[in-house]
Amino acid sequence: MEFLTYEEGRCVQCMHIGSYDKEPTTIELMSNYAKENGYEIDITDKRYHHEIYLSDPRRCQENRLKTVIRHPIKLRKGKV
């Protein structure tokens, strides 16, 4: 485990409910939302994809797992 402190900046995030295996669908929706609003995903060595696990998979049914998924974003070129 490693504890990091960094400036989050502008992000798009979503509460994913359900199996971890289905997260790619949520991530695709987040990417589409960002694009529709003039942004692009900005994951770099200084800006991270991260997840906040709100449920304990040992004590929760898989279809009720809650995870906050967060991706950094930046304005697409040509947008103001």
PDB file of N, CA and C in Angstrom:
ATOM      1  N   MET A   1       0.840  -1.157   0.000  1.00  0.00           N
ATOM      2  CA  MET A   1       0.000   0.000   0.000  1.00  0.00           C
ATOM      3  C   MET A   1       0.892   1.229   0.000  1.00  0.00           C
ATOM      4  N   GLU A   2       0.426   2.238  -0.699  1.00  0.00           N
ATOM      5  CA  GLU A   2       1.150   3.497  -0.787  1.00  0.00           C
ATOM      6  C   GLU A   2       0.140   4.629  -0.633  1.00  0.00           C
ATOM      7  N   PHE A   3       0.466   5.615   0.179  1.00  0.00           N
ATOM      8  CA  PHE A   3      -0.380   6.787   0.332  1.00  0.00           C
ATOM      9  C   PHE A   3       0.191   7.910  -0.503  1.00  0.00           C
ATOM     10  N   LEU A   4      -0.669   8.505  -1.326  1.00  0.00           N
ATOM     11  CA  LEU A   4      -0.246   9.585  -2.200  1.00  0.00           C
ATOM     12  C   LEU A   4      -1.071  10.832  -1.933  1.00  0.00           C
ATOM     13  N   THR A   5      -0.448  11.960  -2.113  1.00  0.00           N
ATOM     14  CA  THR A   5      -1.163  13.228  -2.100  1.00  0.00           C
ATOM     15  C   THR A   5      -0.853  13.902  -3.425  1.00  0.00           C
ATOM     16  N   TYR A   6      -1.897  14.289  -4.133  1.00  0.00           N
ATOM     17  CA  TYR A   6      -1.687  14.976  -5.397  1.00  0.00           C
ATOM     18  C   TYR A   6      -2.895  15.860  -5.679  1.00  0.00           C
ATOM     19  N   GLU A   7      -2.677  16.839  -6.539  1.00  0.00           N
ATOM     20  CA  GLU A   7      -3.732  17.752  -6.941  1.00  0.00           C
ATOM     21  C   GLU A   7      -4.648  17.032  -7.917  1.00  0.00           C
ATOM     22  N   GLU A   8      -5.900  16.868  -7.552  1.00  0.00           N
ATOM     23  CA  GLU A   8      -6.831  16.102  -8.380  1.00  0.00           C
ATOM     24  C   GLU A   8      -7.152  16.793  -9.693  1.00  0.00           C
ATOM     25  N   GLY A   9      -7.485  18.057  -9.642  1.00  0.00           N
ATOM     26  CA  GLY A   9      -7.873  18.755 -10.862  1.00  0.00           C
ATOM     27  C   GLY A   9      -9.257  18.328 -11.334  1.00  0.00           C
ATOM     28  N   ARG A  10      -9.569  18.693 -12.552  1.00  0.00           N
ATOM     29  CA  ARG A  10     -10.878  18.407 -13.132  1.00  0.00           C
ATOM     30  C   ARG A  10     -10.991  16.920 -13.444  1.00  0.00           C
ATOM     31  N   CYS A  11     -12.137  16.328 -13.086  1.00  0.00           N
ATOM     32  CA  CYS A  11     -12.347  14.893 -13.269  1.00  0.00           C
ATOM     33  C   CYS A  11     -13.775  14.611 -13.710  1.00  0.00           C
ATOM     34  N   VAL A  12     -13.960  13.432 -14.255  1.00  0.00           N
ATOM     35  CA  VAL A  12     -15.282  12.867 -14.472  1.00  0.00           C
ATOM     36  C   VAL A  12     -15.331  11.627 -13.585  1.00  0.00           C
ATOM     37  N   GLN A  13     -16.452  11.453 -12.880  1.00  0.00           N
ATOM     38  CA  GLN A  13     -16.552  10.296 -12.008  1.00  0.00           C
ATOM     39  C   GLN A  13     -17.956   9.731 -12.053  1.00  0.00           C
ATOM     40  N   CYS A  14     -18.063   8.472 -11.664  1.00  0.00           N
ATOM     41  CA  CYS A  14     -19.347   7.794 -11.686  1.00  0.00           C
ATOM     42  C   CYS A  14     -19.387   6.761 -10.564  1.00  0.00           C
ATOM     43  N   MET A  15     -20.573   6.579 -10.003  1.00  0.00           N
ATOM     44  CA  MET A  15     -20.791   5.507  -9.034  1.00  0.00           C
ATOM     45  C   MET A  15     -21.160   4.256  -9.819  1.00  0.00           C
ATOM     46  N   HIS A  16     -20.249   3.292  -9.845  1.00  0.00           N
ATOM     47  CA  HIS A  16     -20.506   2.013 -10.510  1.00  0.00           C
ATOM     48  C   HIS A  16     -21.120   1.079  -9.486  1.00  0.00           C
ATOM     49  N   ILE A  17     -22.251   0.490  -9.835  1.00  0.00           N
ATOM     50  CA  ILE A  17     -22.892  -0.475  -8.947  1.00  0.00           C
ATOM     51  C   ILE A  17     -22.922  -1.813  -9.664  1.00  0.00           C
ATOM     52  N   GLY A  18     -22.320  -2.808  -9.041  1.00  0.00           N
ATOM     53  CA  GLY A  18     -22.301  -4.143  -9.626  1.00  0.00           C
ATOM     54  C   GLY A  18     -20.903  -4.721  -9.674  1.00  0.00           C
ATOM     55  N   SER A  19     -20.773  -5.772 -10.440  1.00  0.00           N
ATOM     56  CA  SER A  19     -19.534  -6.529 -10.557  1.00  0.00           C
ATOM     57  C   SER A  19     -18.382  -5.669 -11.076  1.00  0.00           C
ATOM     58  N   TYR A  20     -17.196  -5.923 -10.557  1.00  0.00           N
ATOM     59  CA  TYR A  20     -15.996  -5.241 -11.050  1.00  0.00           C
ATOM     60  C   TYR A  20     -15.767  -5.582 -12.523  1.00  0.00           C
ATOM     61  N   ASP A  21     -16.186  -6.766 -12.942  1.00  0.00           N
ATOM     62  CA  ASP A  21     -16.010  -7.192 -14.335  1.00  0.00           C
ATOM     63  C   ASP A  21     -16.789  -6.313 -15.313  1.00  0.00           C
ATOM     64  N   LYS A  22     -17.784  -5.597 -14.825  1.00  0.00           N
ATOM     65  CA  LYS A  22     -18.613  -4.755 -15.697  1.00  0.00           C
ATOM     66  C   LYS A  22     -18.189  -3.293 -15.676  1.00  0.00           C
ATOM     67  N   GLU A  23     -17.102  -2.981 -14.992  1.00  0.00           N
ATOM     68  CA  GLU A  23     -16.624  -1.600 -14.936  1.00  0.00           C
ATOM     69  C   GLU A  23     -16.276  -1.025 -16.310  1.00  0.00           C
ATOM     70  N   PRO A  24     -15.736  -1.807 -17.264  1.00  0.00           N
ATOM     71  CA  PRO A  24     -15.420  -1.220 -18.567  1.00  0.00           C
ATOM     72  C   PRO A  24     -16.611  -0.526 -19.237  1.00  0.00           C
ATOM     73  N   THR A  25     -17.815  -1.037 -19.024  1.00  0.00           N
ATOM     74  CA  THR A  25     -19.005  -0.392 -19.588  1.00  0.00           C
ATOM     75  C   THR A  25     -19.209   0.985 -18.963  1.00  0.00           C
ATOM     76  N   THR A  26     -19.039   1.091 -17.658  1.00  0.00           N
ATOM     77  CA  THR A  26     -19.171   2.373 -16.971  1.00  0.00           C
ATOM     78  C   THR A  26     -18.087   3.337 -17.433  1.00  0.00           C
ATOM     79  N   ILE A  27     -16.871   2.840 -17.588  1.00  0.00           N
ATOM     80  CA  ILE A  27     -15.760   3.686 -18.037  1.00  0.00           C
ATOM     81  C   ILE A  27     -16.017   4.207 -19.445  1.00  0.00           C
ATOM     82  N   GLU A  28     -16.584   3.375 -20.306  1.00  0.00           N
ATOM     83  CA  GLU A  28     -16.920   3.830 -21.660  1.00  0.00           C
ATOM     84  C   GLU A  28     -17.974   4.939 -21.613  1.00  0.00           C
ATOM     85  N   LEU A  29     -18.976   4.796 -20.747  1.00  0.00           N
ATOM     86  CA  LEU A  29     -19.996   5.840 -20.594  1.00  0.00           C
ATOM     87  C   LEU A  29     -19.373   7.144 -20.096  1.00  0.00           C
ATOM     88  N   MET A  30     -18.428   7.037 -19.182  1.00  0.00           N
ATOM     89  CA  MET A  30     -17.745   8.227 -18.665  1.00  0.00           C
ATOM     90  C   MET A  30     -16.948   8.912 -19.775  1.00  0.00           C
ATOM     91  N   SER A  31     -16.256   8.128 -20.578  1.00  0.00           N
ATOM     92  CA  SER A  31     -15.473   8.690 -21.692  1.00  0.00           C
ATOM     93  C   SER A  31     -16.383   9.387 -22.695  1.00  0.00           C
ATOM     94  N   ASN A  32     -17.503   8.752 -23.012  1.00  0.00           N
ATOM     95  CA  ASN A  32     -18.461   9.360 -23.938  1.00  0.00           C
ATOM     96  C   ASN A  32     -19.017  10.655 -23.379  1.00  0.00           C
ATOM     97  N   TYR A  33     -19.341  10.671 -22.086  1.00  0.00           N
ATOM     98  CA  TYR A  33     -19.863  11.879 -21.444  1.00  0.00           C
ATOM     99  C   TYR A  33     -18.833  13.007 -21.534  1.00  0.00           C
ATOM    100  N   ALA A  34     -17.582  12.689 -21.247  1.00  0.00           N
ATOM    101  CA  ALA A  34     -16.526  13.701 -21.319  1.00  0.00           C
ATOM    102  C   ALA A  34     -16.429  14.266 -22.738  1.00  0.00           C
ATOM    103  N   LYS A  35     -16.406  13.399 -23.735  1.00  0.00           N
ATOM    104  CA  LYS A  35     -16.299  13.840 -25.135  1.00  0.00           C
ATOM    105  C   LYS A  35     -17.476  14.705 -25.545  1.00  0.00           C
ATOM    106  N   GLU A  36     -18.688  14.304 -25.149  1.00  0.00           N
ATOM    107  CA  GLU A  36     -19.893  15.060 -25.488  1.00  0.00           C
ATOM    108  C   GLU A  36     -19.879  16.458 -24.873  1.00  0.00           C
ATOM    109  N   ASN A  37     -19.084  16.635 -23.829  1.00  0.00           N
ATOM    110  CA  ASN A  37     -19.031  17.916 -23.136  1.00  0.00           C
ATOM    111  C   ASN A  37     -17.724  18.670 -23.370  1.00  0.00           C
ATOM    112  N   GLY A  38     -16.983  18.271 -24.420  1.00  0.00           N
ATOM    113  CA  GLY A  38     -15.797  19.009 -24.832  1.00  0.00           C
ATOM    114  C   GLY A  38     -14.509  18.643 -24.115  1.00  0.00           C
ATOM    115  N   TYR A  39     -14.474  17.488 -23.456  1.00  0.00           N
ATOM    116  CA  TYR A  39     -13.292  17.058 -22.712  1.00  0.00           C
ATOM    117  C   TYR A  39     -12.744  15.758 -23.271  1.00  0.00           C
ATOM    118  N   GLU A  40     -11.552  15.423 -22.837  1.00  0.00           N
ATOM    119  CA  GLU A  40     -10.969  14.122 -23.136  1.00  0.00           C
ATOM    120  C   GLU A  40     -10.318  13.586 -21.868  1.00  0.00           C
ATOM    121  N   ILE A  41     -10.220  12.272 -21.797  1.00  0.00           N
ATOM    122  CA  ILE A  41      -9.590  11.621 -20.644  1.00  0.00           C
ATOM    123  C   ILE A  41      -8.117  12.001 -20.643  1.00  0.00           C
ATOM    124  N   ASP A  42      -7.588  12.286 -19.457  1.00  0.00           N
ATOM    125  CA  ASP A  42      -6.220  12.787 -19.311  1.00  0.00           C
ATOM    126  C   ASP A  42      -5.439  11.962 -18.292  1.00  0.00           C
ATOM    127  N   ILE A  43      -5.355  10.654 -18.532  1.00  0.00           N
ATOM    128  CA  ILE A  43      -4.600   9.780 -17.633  1.00  0.00           C
ATOM    129  C   ILE A  43      -3.133   9.824 -18.053  1.00  0.00           C
ATOM    130  N   THR A  44      -2.265  10.228 -17.121  1.00  0.00           N
ATOM    131  CA  THR A  44      -0.832  10.343 -17.383  1.00  0.00           C
ATOM    132  C   THR A  44      -0.078   9.776 -16.189  1.00  0.00           C
ATOM    133  N   ASP A  45       1.243   9.946 -16.197  1.00  0.00           N
ATOM    134  CA  ASP A  45       2.036   9.481 -15.050  1.00  0.00           C
ATOM    135  C   ASP A  45       1.837  10.376 -13.826  1.00  0.00           C
ATOM    136  N   LYS A  46       1.158  11.517 -13.994  1.00  0.00           N
ATOM    137  CA  LYS A  46       0.878  12.404 -12.866  1.00  0.00           C
ATOM    138  C   LYS A  46      -0.614  12.538 -12.560  1.00  0.00           C
ATOM    139  N   ARG A  47      -1.454  12.081 -13.474  1.00  0.00           N
ATOM    140  CA  ARG A  47      -2.909  12.135 -13.295  1.00  0.00           C
ATOM    141  C   ARG A  47      -3.428  10.708 -13.463  1.00  0.00           C
ATOM    142  N   TYR A  48      -4.114  10.221 -12.456  1.00  0.00           N
ATOM    143  CA  TYR A  48      -4.397   8.793 -12.357  1.00  0.00           C
ATOM    144  C   TYR A  48      -5.873   8.430 -12.505  1.00  0.00           C
ATOM    145  N   HIS A  49      -6.110   7.255 -13.079  1.00  0.00           N
ATOM    146  CA  HIS A  49      -7.401   6.571 -12.933  1.00  0.00           C
ATOM    147  C   HIS A  49      -7.408   6.083 -11.496  1.00  0.00           C
ATOM    148  N   HIS A  50      -8.509   6.276 -10.798  1.00  0.00           N
ATOM    149  CA  HIS A  50      -8.580   5.616  -9.504  1.00  0.00           C
ATOM    150  C   HIS A  50      -9.994   5.243  -9.136  1.00  0.00           C
ATOM    151  N   GLU A  51     -10.083   4.340  -8.204  1.00  0.00           N
ATOM    152  CA  GLU A  51     -11.352   3.789  -7.770  1.00  0.00           C
ATOM    153  C   GLU A  51     -11.429   3.850  -6.260  1.00  0.00           C
ATOM    154  N   ILE A  52     -12.610   4.156  -5.775  1.00  0.00           N
ATOM    155  CA  ILE A  52     -12.870   4.187  -4.339  1.00  0.00           C
ATOM    156  C   ILE A  52     -13.895   3.092  -4.070  1.00  0.00           C
ATOM    157  N   TYR A  53     -13.482   2.078  -3.342  1.00  0.00           N
ATOM    158  CA  TYR A  53     -14.346   0.934  -3.066  1.00  0.00           C
ATOM    159  C   TYR A  53     -15.165   1.216  -1.824  1.00  0.00           C
ATOM    160  N   LEU A  54     -16.472   1.284  -1.979  1.00  0.00           N
ATOM    161  CA  LEU A  54     -17.360   1.605  -0.868  1.00  0.00           C
ATOM    162  C   LEU A  54     -17.957   0.355  -0.229  1.00  0.00           C
ATOM    163  N   SER A  55     -17.877  -0.763  -0.907  1.00  0.00           N
ATOM    164  CA  SER A  55     -18.449  -2.012  -0.408  1.00  0.00           C
ATOM    165  C   SER A  55     -17.345  -3.025  -0.158  1.00  0.00           C
ATOM    166  N   ASP A  56     -17.593  -3.887   0.801  1.00  0.00           N
ATOM    167  CA  ASP A  56     -16.676  -4.986   1.093  1.00  0.00           C
ATOM    168  C   ASP A  56     -17.154  -6.216   0.326  1.00  0.00           C
ATOM    169  N   PRO A  57     -16.386  -6.664  -0.682  1.00  0.00           N
ATOM    170  CA  PRO A  57     -16.852  -7.799  -1.491  1.00  0.00           C
ATOM    171  C   PRO A  57     -17.014  -9.096  -0.700  1.00  0.00           C
ATOM    172  N   ARG A  58     -16.452  -9.163   0.487  1.00  0.00           N
ATOM    173  CA  ARG A  58     -16.630 -10.352   1.328  1.00  0.00           C
ATOM    174  C   ARG A  58     -17.981 -10.350   2.030  1.00  0.00           C
ATOM    175  N   ARG A  59     -18.630  -9.177   2.070  1.00  0.00           N
ATOM    176  CA  ARG A  59     -19.879  -9.042   2.827  1.00  0.00           C
ATOM    177  C   ARG A  59     -21.045  -8.518   2.005  1.00  0.00           C
ATOM    178  N   CYS A  60     -20.859  -8.410   0.731  1.00  0.00           N
ATOM    179  CA  CYS A  60     -21.869  -7.784  -0.129  1.00  0.00           C
ATOM    180  C   CYS A  60     -22.099  -8.656  -1.356  1.00  0.00           C
ATOM    181  N   GLN A  61     -23.348  -8.736  -1.788  1.00  0.00           N
ATOM    182  CA  GLN A  61     -23.621  -9.451  -3.027  1.00  0.00           C
ATOM    183  C   GLN A  61     -22.959  -8.707  -4.181  1.00  0.00           C
ATOM    184  N   GLU A  62     -22.453  -9.460  -5.148  1.00  0.00           N
ATOM    185  CA  GLU A  62     -21.710  -8.873  -6.261  1.00  0.00           C
ATOM    186  C   GLU A  62     -22.512  -7.796  -6.994  1.00  0.00           C
ATOM    187  N   ASN A  63     -23.811  -8.001  -7.160  1.00  0.00           N
ATOM    188  CA  ASN A  63     -24.628  -7.035  -7.894  1.00  0.00           C
ATOM    189  C   ASN A  63     -24.904  -5.754  -7.098  1.00  0.00           C
ATOM    190  N   ARG A  64     -24.455  -5.710  -5.838  1.00  0.00           N
ATOM    191  CA  ARG A  64     -24.669  -4.526  -5.007  1.00  0.00           C
ATOM    192  C   ARG A  64     -23.371  -3.813  -4.638  1.00  0.00           C
ATOM    193  N   LEU A  65     -22.249  -4.269  -5.185  1.00  0.00           N
ATOM    194  CA  LEU A  65     -20.972  -3.612  -4.913  1.00  0.00           C
ATOM    195  C   LEU A  65     -21.016  -2.170  -5.416  1.00  0.00           C
ATOM    196  N   LYS A  66     -20.463  -1.250  -4.647  1.00  0.00           N
ATOM    197  CA  LYS A  66     -20.420   0.162  -5.036  1.00  0.00           C
ATOM    198  C   LYS A  66     -18.970   0.620  -5.129  1.00  0.00           C
ATOM    199  N   THR A  67     -18.641   1.204  -6.289  1.00  0.00           N
ATOM    200  CA  THR A  67     -17.294   1.692  -6.543  1.00  0.00           C
ATOM    201  C   THR A  67     -17.387   3.043  -7.234  1.00  0.00           C
ATOM    202  N   VAL A  68     -16.697   4.044  -6.688  1.00  0.00           N
ATOM    203  CA  VAL A  68     -16.592   5.328  -7.369  1.00  0.00           C
ATOM    204  C   VAL A  68     -15.403   5.218  -8.316  1.00  0.00           C
ATOM    205  N   ILE A  69     -15.648   5.453  -9.602  1.00  0.00           N
ATOM    206  CA  ILE A  69     -14.581   5.432 -10.610  1.00  0.00           C
ATOM    207  C   ILE A  69     -14.327   6.875 -11.016  1.00  0.00           C
ATOM    208  N   ARG A  70     -13.068   7.273 -11.018  1.00  0.00           N
ATOM    209  CA  ARG A  70     -12.718   8.667 -11.311  1.00  0.00           C
ATOM    210  C   ARG A  70     -11.589   8.723 -12.331  1.00  0.00           C
ATOM    211  N   HIS A  71     -11.799   9.540 -13.369  1.00  0.00           N
ATOM    212  CA  HIS A  71     -10.781   9.769 -14.400  1.00  0.00           C
ATOM    213  C   HIS A  71     -10.520  11.259 -14.539  1.00  0.00           C
ATOM    214  N   PRO A  72      -9.259  11.650 -14.604  1.00  0.00           N
ATOM    215  CA  PRO A  72      -8.941  13.050 -14.871  1.00  0.00           C
ATOM    216  C   PRO A  72      -9.308  13.398 -16.313  1.00  0.00           C
ATOM    217  N   ILE A  73      -9.702  14.638 -16.521  1.00  0.00           N
ATOM    218  CA  ILE A  73     -10.055  15.097 -17.867  1.00  0.00           C
ATOM    219  C   ILE A  73      -9.400  16.447 -18.144  1.00  0.00           C
ATOM    220  N   LYS A  74      -9.349  16.783 -19.433  1.00  0.00           N
ATOM    221  CA  LYS A  74      -8.873  18.119 -19.855  1.00  0.00           C
ATOM    222  C   LYS A  74      -9.708  18.543 -21.051  1.00  0.00           C
ATOM    223  N   LEU A  75      -9.746  19.834 -21.284  1.00  0.00           N
ATOM    224  CA  LEU A  75     -10.466  20.348 -22.449  1.00  0.00           C
ATOM    225  C   LEU A  75      -9.823  19.813 -23.720  1.00  0.00           C
ATOM    226  N   ARG A  76     -10.667  19.411 -24.668  1.00  0.00           N
ATOM    227  CA  ARG A  76     -10.134  18.989 -25.965  1.00  0.00           C
ATOM    228  C   ARG A  76      -9.595  20.202 -26.697  1.00  0.00           C
ATOM    229  N   LYS A  77      -8.613  19.984 -27.517  1.00  0.00           N
ATOM    230  CA  LYS A  77      -8.027  21.070 -28.293  1.00  0.00           C
ATOM    231  C   LYS A  77      -9.119  21.738 -29.115  1.00  0.00           C
ATOM    232  N   GLY A  78      -9.064  23.066 -29.163  1.00  0.00           N
ATOM    233  CA  GLY A  78     -10.054  23.817 -29.914  1.00  0.00           C
ATOM    234  C   GLY A  78     -11.280  24.195 -29.114  1.00  0.00           C
ATOM    235  N   LYS A  79     -11.374  23.710 -27.859  1.00  0.00           N
ATOM    236  CA  LYS A  79     -12.503  24.053 -26.989  1.00  0.00           C
ATOM    237  C   LYS A  79     -12.074  25.133 -26.027  1.00  0.00           C
ATOM    238  N   VAL A  80     -13.019  25.962 -25.615  1.00  0.00           N
ATOM    239  CA  VAL A  80     -12.722  27.025 -24.647  1.00  0.00           C
ATOM    240  C   VAL A  80     -13.598  26.858 -23.438  1.00  0.00           C
TER     241      VAL A  80
END
